[in-house]
Amino acid sequence: MKKILIVEDEEAQRLLYKEEFSEMGYQVTLAASGEQALKGVAEDRPDLVILDIKLPGKDGLDTLREMLNDTPHIPVIINSAYSHYKENFMSWAAEEYIVKSADLTELKNAVKRILK
């Protein structure tokens, strides 16, 4: 079973993603901050990380930088409400950059494509 780490500071969103991806057959772990995400990657070795950018403390781009320094081959999908971060050089290191939407089809398709 493939493992996904979801990094999202908004609890309702985090739980929705957990439910959706669990129903798709993935093992899902959650993190509410960049610090929790780095710990989760080190301990759980997920197959994929879905990463928000606006996080308390360490933001998603700083978290991504540290994550890739420690585990350079881990695929990351940036999932942000803000499209302007696409211009940030660090976001280019992610496999995908998906702007949050009520319709999770694009995010689900990206997960399937990366984890197939």
N, C-alpha and C. Protein backbone atom coordinates (compact mmCIF):
# COMPACT_ATOMS: atom_id res chain seq x y z
N MET A 1 0.85 -1.18 0.00
CA MET A 1 0.00 0.00 0.00
C MET A 1 0.89 1.24 0.00
N LYS A 2 0.64 2.13 -0.95
CA LYS A 2 1.43 3.37 -1.04
C LYS A 2 1.04 4.33 0.08
N LYS A 3 2.04 5.05 0.60
CA LYS A 3 1.83 5.98 1.71
C LYS A 3 1.91 7.43 1.22
N ILE A 4 0.93 8.22 1.68
CA ILE A 4 0.89 9.65 1.36
C ILE A 4 0.94 10.43 2.66
N LEU A 5 1.78 11.45 2.69
CA LEU A 5 1.80 12.40 3.81
C LEU A 5 1.12 13.67 3.33
N ILE A 6 0.08 14.09 4.04
CA ILE A 6 -0.64 15.31 3.69
C ILE A 6 -0.27 16.38 4.70
N VAL A 7 0.27 17.49 4.19
CA VAL A 7 0.70 18.60 5.03
C VAL A 7 -0.24 19.77 4.76
N GLU A 8 -1.11 20.03 5.72
CA GLU A 8 -2.16 21.03 5.56
C GLU A 8 -2.49 21.58 6.94
N ASP A 9 -2.47 22.92 7.09
CA ASP A 9 -2.72 23.49 8.42
C ASP A 9 -4.21 23.58 8.76
N GLU A 10 -5.09 23.57 7.78
CA GLU A 10 -6.52 23.65 8.06
C GLU A 10 -7.07 22.24 8.31
N GLU A 11 -7.57 22.03 9.54
CA GLU A 11 -7.97 20.69 9.95
C GLU A 11 -9.05 20.08 9.06
N ALA A 12 -10.07 20.85 8.71
CA ALA A 12 -11.16 20.31 7.89
C ALA A 12 -10.63 19.82 6.55
N GLN A 13 -9.74 20.59 5.95
CA GLN A 13 -9.14 20.21 4.67
C GLN A 13 -8.29 18.94 4.83
N ARG A 14 -7.51 18.91 5.90
CA ARG A 14 -6.65 17.75 6.19
C ARG A 14 -7.49 16.47 6.29
N LEU A 15 -8.58 16.55 7.04
CA LEU A 15 -9.43 15.38 7.25
C LEU A 15 -10.15 14.97 5.97
N LEU A 16 -10.57 15.95 5.18
CA LEU A 16 -11.20 15.65 3.89
C LEU A 16 -10.23 14.90 2.99
N TYR A 17 -9.01 15.39 2.88
CA TYR A 17 -8.00 14.74 2.05
C TYR A 17 -7.71 13.32 2.56
N LYS A 18 -7.63 13.19 3.88
CA LYS A 18 -7.36 11.85 4.44
C LYS A 18 -8.46 10.88 4.03
N GLU A 19 -9.70 11.31 4.15
CA GLU A 19 -10.82 10.45 3.79
C GLU A 19 -10.80 10.10 2.30
N GLU A 20 -10.60 11.11 1.46
CA GLU A 20 -10.61 10.89 0.00
C GLU A 20 -9.51 9.93 -0.44
N PHE A 21 -8.29 10.15 0.05
CA PHE A 21 -7.17 9.32 -0.39
C PHE A 21 -7.17 7.94 0.27
N SER A 22 -7.72 7.84 1.47
CA SER A 22 -7.87 6.53 2.10
C SER A 22 -8.85 5.68 1.30
N GLU A 23 -9.93 6.32 0.84
CA GLU A 23 -10.92 5.60 0.02
C GLU A 23 -10.32 5.13 -1.30
N MET A 24 -9.29 5.81 -1.77
CA MET A 24 -8.62 5.41 -3.01
C MET A 24 -7.62 4.28 -2.76
N GLY A 25 -7.45 3.88 -1.49
CA GLY A 25 -6.58 2.76 -1.18
C GLY A 25 -5.18 3.13 -0.72
N TYR A 26 -4.97 4.39 -0.38
CA TYR A 26 -3.66 4.82 0.10
C TYR A 26 -3.64 4.85 1.63
N GLN A 27 -2.47 4.64 2.19
CA GLN A 27 -2.26 4.82 3.64
C GLN A 27 -1.90 6.28 3.83
N VAL A 28 -2.66 6.99 4.65
CA VAL A 28 -2.49 8.44 4.76
C VAL A 28 -2.05 8.83 6.17
N THR A 29 -1.01 9.66 6.23
CA THR A 29 -0.61 10.28 7.49
C THR A 29 -0.75 11.79 7.32
N LEU A 30 -0.89 12.48 8.44
CA LEU A 30 -1.17 13.92 8.40
C LEU A 30 -0.14 14.72 9.17
N ALA A 31 0.06 15.95 8.71
CA ALA A 31 0.91 16.91 9.41
C ALA A 31 0.26 18.29 9.27
N ALA A 32 0.33 19.09 10.34
CA ALA A 32 -0.29 20.41 10.33
C ALA A 32 0.73 21.54 10.18
N SER A 33 2.02 21.19 10.14
CA SER A 33 3.07 22.21 10.05
C SER A 33 4.27 21.65 9.29
N GLY A 34 5.16 22.54 8.91
CA GLY A 34 6.38 22.12 8.24
C GLY A 34 7.24 21.23 9.12
N GLU A 35 7.31 21.57 10.40
CA GLU A 35 8.11 20.77 11.34
C GLU A 35 7.56 19.35 11.45
N GLN A 36 6.22 19.23 11.56
CA GLN A 36 5.60 17.90 11.62
C GLN A 36 5.84 17.14 10.32
N ALA A 37 5.82 17.85 9.21
CA ALA A 37 6.04 17.21 7.90
C ALA A 37 7.43 16.61 7.82
N LEU A 38 8.44 17.37 8.23
CA LEU A 38 9.82 16.87 8.17
C LEU A 38 9.99 15.64 9.06
N LYS A 39 9.36 15.68 10.23
CA LYS A 39 9.41 14.54 11.14
C LYS A 39 8.69 13.34 10.50
N GLY A 40 7.54 13.59 9.88
CA GLY A 40 6.77 12.53 9.25
C GLY A 40 7.51 11.87 8.10
N VAL A 41 8.23 12.67 7.31
CA VAL A 41 9.01 12.11 6.20
C VAL A 41 10.14 11.24 6.74
N ALA A 42 10.81 11.72 7.78
CA ALA A 42 11.92 10.97 8.36
C ALA A 42 11.46 9.65 8.98
N GLU A 43 10.31 9.68 9.66
CA GLU A 43 9.84 8.50 10.38
C GLU A 43 9.06 7.52 9.50
N ASP A 44 8.18 8.04 8.64
CA ASP A 44 7.25 7.18 7.90
C ASP A 44 7.69 6.86 6.48
N ARG A 45 8.63 7.63 5.95
CA ARG A 45 9.10 7.43 4.57
C ARG A 45 7.93 7.27 3.58
N PRO A 46 7.09 8.31 3.46
CA PRO A 46 5.96 8.21 2.54
C PRO A 46 6.43 8.12 1.08
N ASP A 47 5.54 7.63 0.23
CA ASP A 47 5.84 7.53 -1.20
C ASP A 47 5.56 8.84 -1.92
N LEU A 48 4.79 9.72 -1.26
CA LEU A 48 4.39 11.00 -1.85
C LEU A 48 4.02 11.96 -0.74
N VAL A 49 4.32 13.25 -0.94
CA VAL A 49 3.91 14.30 0.00
C VAL A 49 3.04 15.30 -0.74
N ILE A 50 1.88 15.62 -0.15
CA ILE A 50 1.03 16.71 -0.64
C ILE A 50 1.25 17.84 0.34
N LEU A 51 1.77 18.95 -0.17
CA LEU A 51 2.28 20.02 0.69
C LEU A 51 1.62 21.36 0.43
N ASP A 52 1.02 21.93 1.47
CA ASP A 52 0.49 23.28 1.40
C ASP A 52 1.66 24.26 1.55
N ILE A 53 1.49 25.49 1.09
CA ILE A 53 2.56 26.48 1.22
C ILE A 53 2.39 27.34 2.46
N LYS A 54 1.18 27.83 2.68
CA LYS A 54 0.92 28.69 3.84
C LYS A 54 0.74 27.83 5.07
N LEU A 55 1.81 27.72 5.86
CA LEU A 55 1.81 26.90 7.07
C LEU A 55 2.29 27.74 8.24
N PRO A 56 1.88 27.38 9.46
CA PRO A 56 2.40 28.10 10.63
C PRO A 56 3.89 27.78 10.81
N GLY A 57 4.65 28.76 11.24
CA GLY A 57 6.10 28.54 11.42
C GLY A 57 6.79 28.47 10.08
N LYS A 58 7.42 27.36 9.81
CA LYS A 58 8.16 27.14 8.57
C LYS A 58 7.17 26.98 7.42
N ASP A 59 7.28 27.83 6.38
CA ASP A 59 6.32 27.71 5.27
C ASP A 59 6.63 26.51 4.38
N GLY A 60 5.73 26.24 3.46
CA GLY A 60 5.85 25.06 2.62
C GLY A 60 7.09 25.04 1.75
N LEU A 61 7.52 26.19 1.25
CA LEU A 61 8.70 26.22 0.37
C LEU A 61 9.97 25.93 1.16
N ASP A 62 10.07 26.46 2.38
CA ASP A 62 11.23 26.13 3.23
C ASP A 62 11.19 24.65 3.63
N THR A 63 9.99 24.16 3.90
CA THR A 63 9.83 22.74 4.23
C THR A 63 10.25 21.87 3.06
N LEU A 64 9.83 22.26 1.86
CA LEU A 64 10.19 21.52 0.65
C LEU A 64 11.71 21.47 0.48
N ARG A 65 12.36 22.60 0.68
CA ARG A 65 13.82 22.67 0.54
C ARG A 65 14.49 21.68 1.50
N GLU A 66 14.09 21.71 2.76
CA GLU A 66 14.69 20.81 3.75
C GLU A 66 14.37 19.35 3.45
N MET A 67 13.14 19.10 3.04
CA MET A 67 12.70 17.75 2.74
C MET A 67 13.55 17.15 1.61
N LEU A 68 13.76 17.93 0.57
CA LEU A 68 14.52 17.45 -0.58
C LEU A 68 16.02 17.34 -0.28
N ASN A 69 16.51 18.12 0.68
CA ASN A 69 17.90 17.96 1.11
C ASN A 69 18.09 16.61 1.78
N ASP A 70 17.09 16.22 2.60
CA ASP A 70 17.18 14.96 3.35
C ASP A 70 16.79 13.75 2.53
N THR A 71 15.78 13.90 1.68
CA THR A 71 15.26 12.78 0.86
C THR A 71 15.02 13.30 -0.55
N PRO A 72 16.09 13.39 -1.34
CA PRO A 72 16.01 14.07 -2.64
C PRO A 72 15.07 13.45 -3.66
N HIS A 73 14.70 12.19 -3.51
CA HIS A 73 13.89 11.55 -4.54
C HIS A 73 12.41 11.46 -4.18
N ILE A 74 12.02 12.06 -3.06
CA ILE A 74 10.61 11.96 -2.66
C ILE A 74 9.76 12.89 -3.54
N PRO A 75 8.70 12.35 -4.17
CA PRO A 75 7.85 13.23 -4.97
C PRO A 75 6.95 14.08 -4.08
N VAL A 76 6.82 15.35 -4.47
CA VAL A 76 6.01 16.30 -3.71
C VAL A 76 5.04 16.99 -4.66
N ILE A 77 3.79 17.08 -4.23
CA ILE A 77 2.80 17.89 -4.94
C ILE A 77 2.54 19.10 -4.06
N ILE A 78 2.78 20.28 -4.60
CA ILE A 78 2.41 21.50 -3.88
C ILE A 78 0.92 21.71 -4.15
N ASN A 79 0.17 21.90 -3.09
CA ASN A 79 -1.27 22.10 -3.18
C ASN A 79 -1.58 23.37 -2.41
N SER A 80 -1.73 24.47 -3.14
CA SER A 80 -1.86 25.78 -2.51
C SER A 80 -3.05 26.55 -3.07
N ALA A 81 -3.61 27.40 -2.26
CA ALA A 81 -4.69 28.27 -2.72
C ALA A 81 -4.14 29.43 -3.56
N TYR A 82 -2.83 29.59 -3.56
CA TYR A 82 -2.20 30.74 -4.20
C TYR A 82 -1.41 30.33 -5.43
N SER A 83 -1.82 30.80 -6.59
CA SER A 83 -1.12 30.42 -7.82
C SER A 83 0.19 31.17 -8.01
N HIS A 84 0.34 32.34 -7.37
CA HIS A 84 1.55 33.14 -7.62
C HIS A 84 2.84 32.49 -7.11
N TYR A 85 2.74 31.50 -6.23
CA TYR A 85 3.95 30.82 -5.77
C TYR A 85 4.56 29.94 -6.87
N LYS A 86 3.81 29.70 -7.94
CA LYS A 86 4.35 28.93 -9.07
C LYS A 86 5.60 29.60 -9.63
N GLU A 87 5.68 30.91 -9.48
CA GLU A 87 6.81 31.67 -10.00
C GLU A 87 8.06 31.51 -9.13
N ASN A 88 7.88 31.03 -7.91
CA ASN A 88 9.01 30.87 -7.00
C ASN A 88 9.87 29.69 -7.45
N PHE A 89 11.14 29.95 -7.60
CA PHE A 89 12.09 28.93 -8.06
C PHE A 89 11.98 27.64 -7.27
N MET A 90 11.80 27.72 -5.96
CA MET A 90 11.76 26.51 -5.13
C MET A 90 10.57 25.63 -5.49
N SER A 91 9.45 26.22 -5.90
CA SER A 91 8.28 25.41 -6.22
C SER A 91 8.51 24.54 -7.45
N TRP A 92 9.50 24.88 -8.26
CA TRP A 92 9.80 24.09 -9.46
C TRP A 92 10.35 22.71 -9.10
N ALA A 93 10.81 22.53 -7.88
CA ALA A 93 11.35 21.24 -7.45
C ALA A 93 10.23 20.22 -7.19
N ALA A 94 9.00 20.69 -7.10
CA ALA A 94 7.87 19.78 -6.87
C ALA A 94 7.48 19.11 -8.18
N GLU A 95 6.92 17.90 -8.07
CA GLU A 95 6.44 17.16 -9.25
C GLU A 95 5.28 17.90 -9.91
N GLU A 96 4.40 18.45 -9.08
CA GLU A 96 3.19 19.14 -9.56
C GLU A 96 2.94 20.34 -8.67
N TYR A 97 2.25 21.32 -9.24
CA TYR A 97 1.78 22.48 -8.47
C TYR A 97 0.30 22.59 -8.80
N ILE A 98 -0.54 22.32 -7.83
CA ILE A 98 -1.97 22.33 -8.05
C ILE A 98 -2.61 23.39 -7.17
N VAL A 99 -3.42 24.24 -7.80
CA VAL A 99 -4.14 25.26 -7.05
C VAL A 99 -5.37 24.61 -6.45
N LYS A 100 -5.55 24.83 -5.14
CA LYS A 100 -6.66 24.20 -4.41
C LYS A 100 -7.99 24.54 -5.06
N SER A 101 -8.86 23.54 -5.02
CA SER A 101 -10.18 23.67 -5.60
C SER A 101 -11.14 22.78 -4.82
N ALA A 102 -12.42 23.10 -4.87
CA ALA A 102 -13.42 22.22 -4.24
C ALA A 102 -13.49 20.90 -4.99
N ASP A 103 -13.11 20.91 -6.25
CA ASP A 103 -13.08 19.70 -7.06
C ASP A 103 -11.68 19.09 -6.94
N LEU A 104 -11.60 17.90 -6.36
CA LEU A 104 -10.30 17.28 -6.10
C LEU A 104 -9.79 16.43 -7.26
N THR A 105 -10.47 16.47 -8.40
CA THR A 105 -10.10 15.62 -9.53
C THR A 105 -8.66 15.83 -9.97
N GLU A 106 -8.23 17.08 -10.12
CA GLU A 106 -6.87 17.34 -10.59
C GLU A 106 -5.84 16.79 -9.60
N LEU A 107 -6.07 17.00 -8.31
CA LEU A 107 -5.16 16.50 -7.28
C LEU A 107 -5.14 14.97 -7.27
N LYS A 108 -6.31 14.35 -7.34
CA LYS A 108 -6.38 12.88 -7.35
C LYS A 108 -5.68 12.31 -8.57
N ASN A 109 -5.88 12.93 -9.72
CA ASN A 109 -5.23 12.44 -10.94
C ASN A 109 -3.71 12.57 -10.85
N ALA A 110 -3.23 13.65 -10.25
CA ALA A 110 -1.78 13.83 -10.09
C ALA A 110 -1.22 12.77 -9.17
N VAL A 111 -1.92 12.46 -8.09
CA VAL A 111 -1.47 11.41 -7.15
C VAL A 111 -1.41 10.08 -7.87
N LYS A 112 -2.46 9.73 -8.60
CA LYS A 112 -2.48 8.45 -9.33
C LYS A 112 -1.32 8.38 -10.33
N ARG A 113 -1.09 9.46 -11.05
CA ARG A 113 -0.04 9.49 -12.07
C ARG A 113 1.34 9.30 -11.43
N ILE A 114 1.59 9.97 -10.33
CA ILE A 114 2.90 9.90 -9.67
C ILE A 114 3.13 8.54 -9.00
N LEU A 115 2.08 7.97 -8.43
CA LEU A 115 2.25 6.73 -7.66
C LEU A 115 1.99 5.45 -8.47
N LYS A 116 1.70 5.58 -9.74
CA LYS A 116 1.40 4.36 -10.52
C LYS A 116 2.61 3.47 -10.69
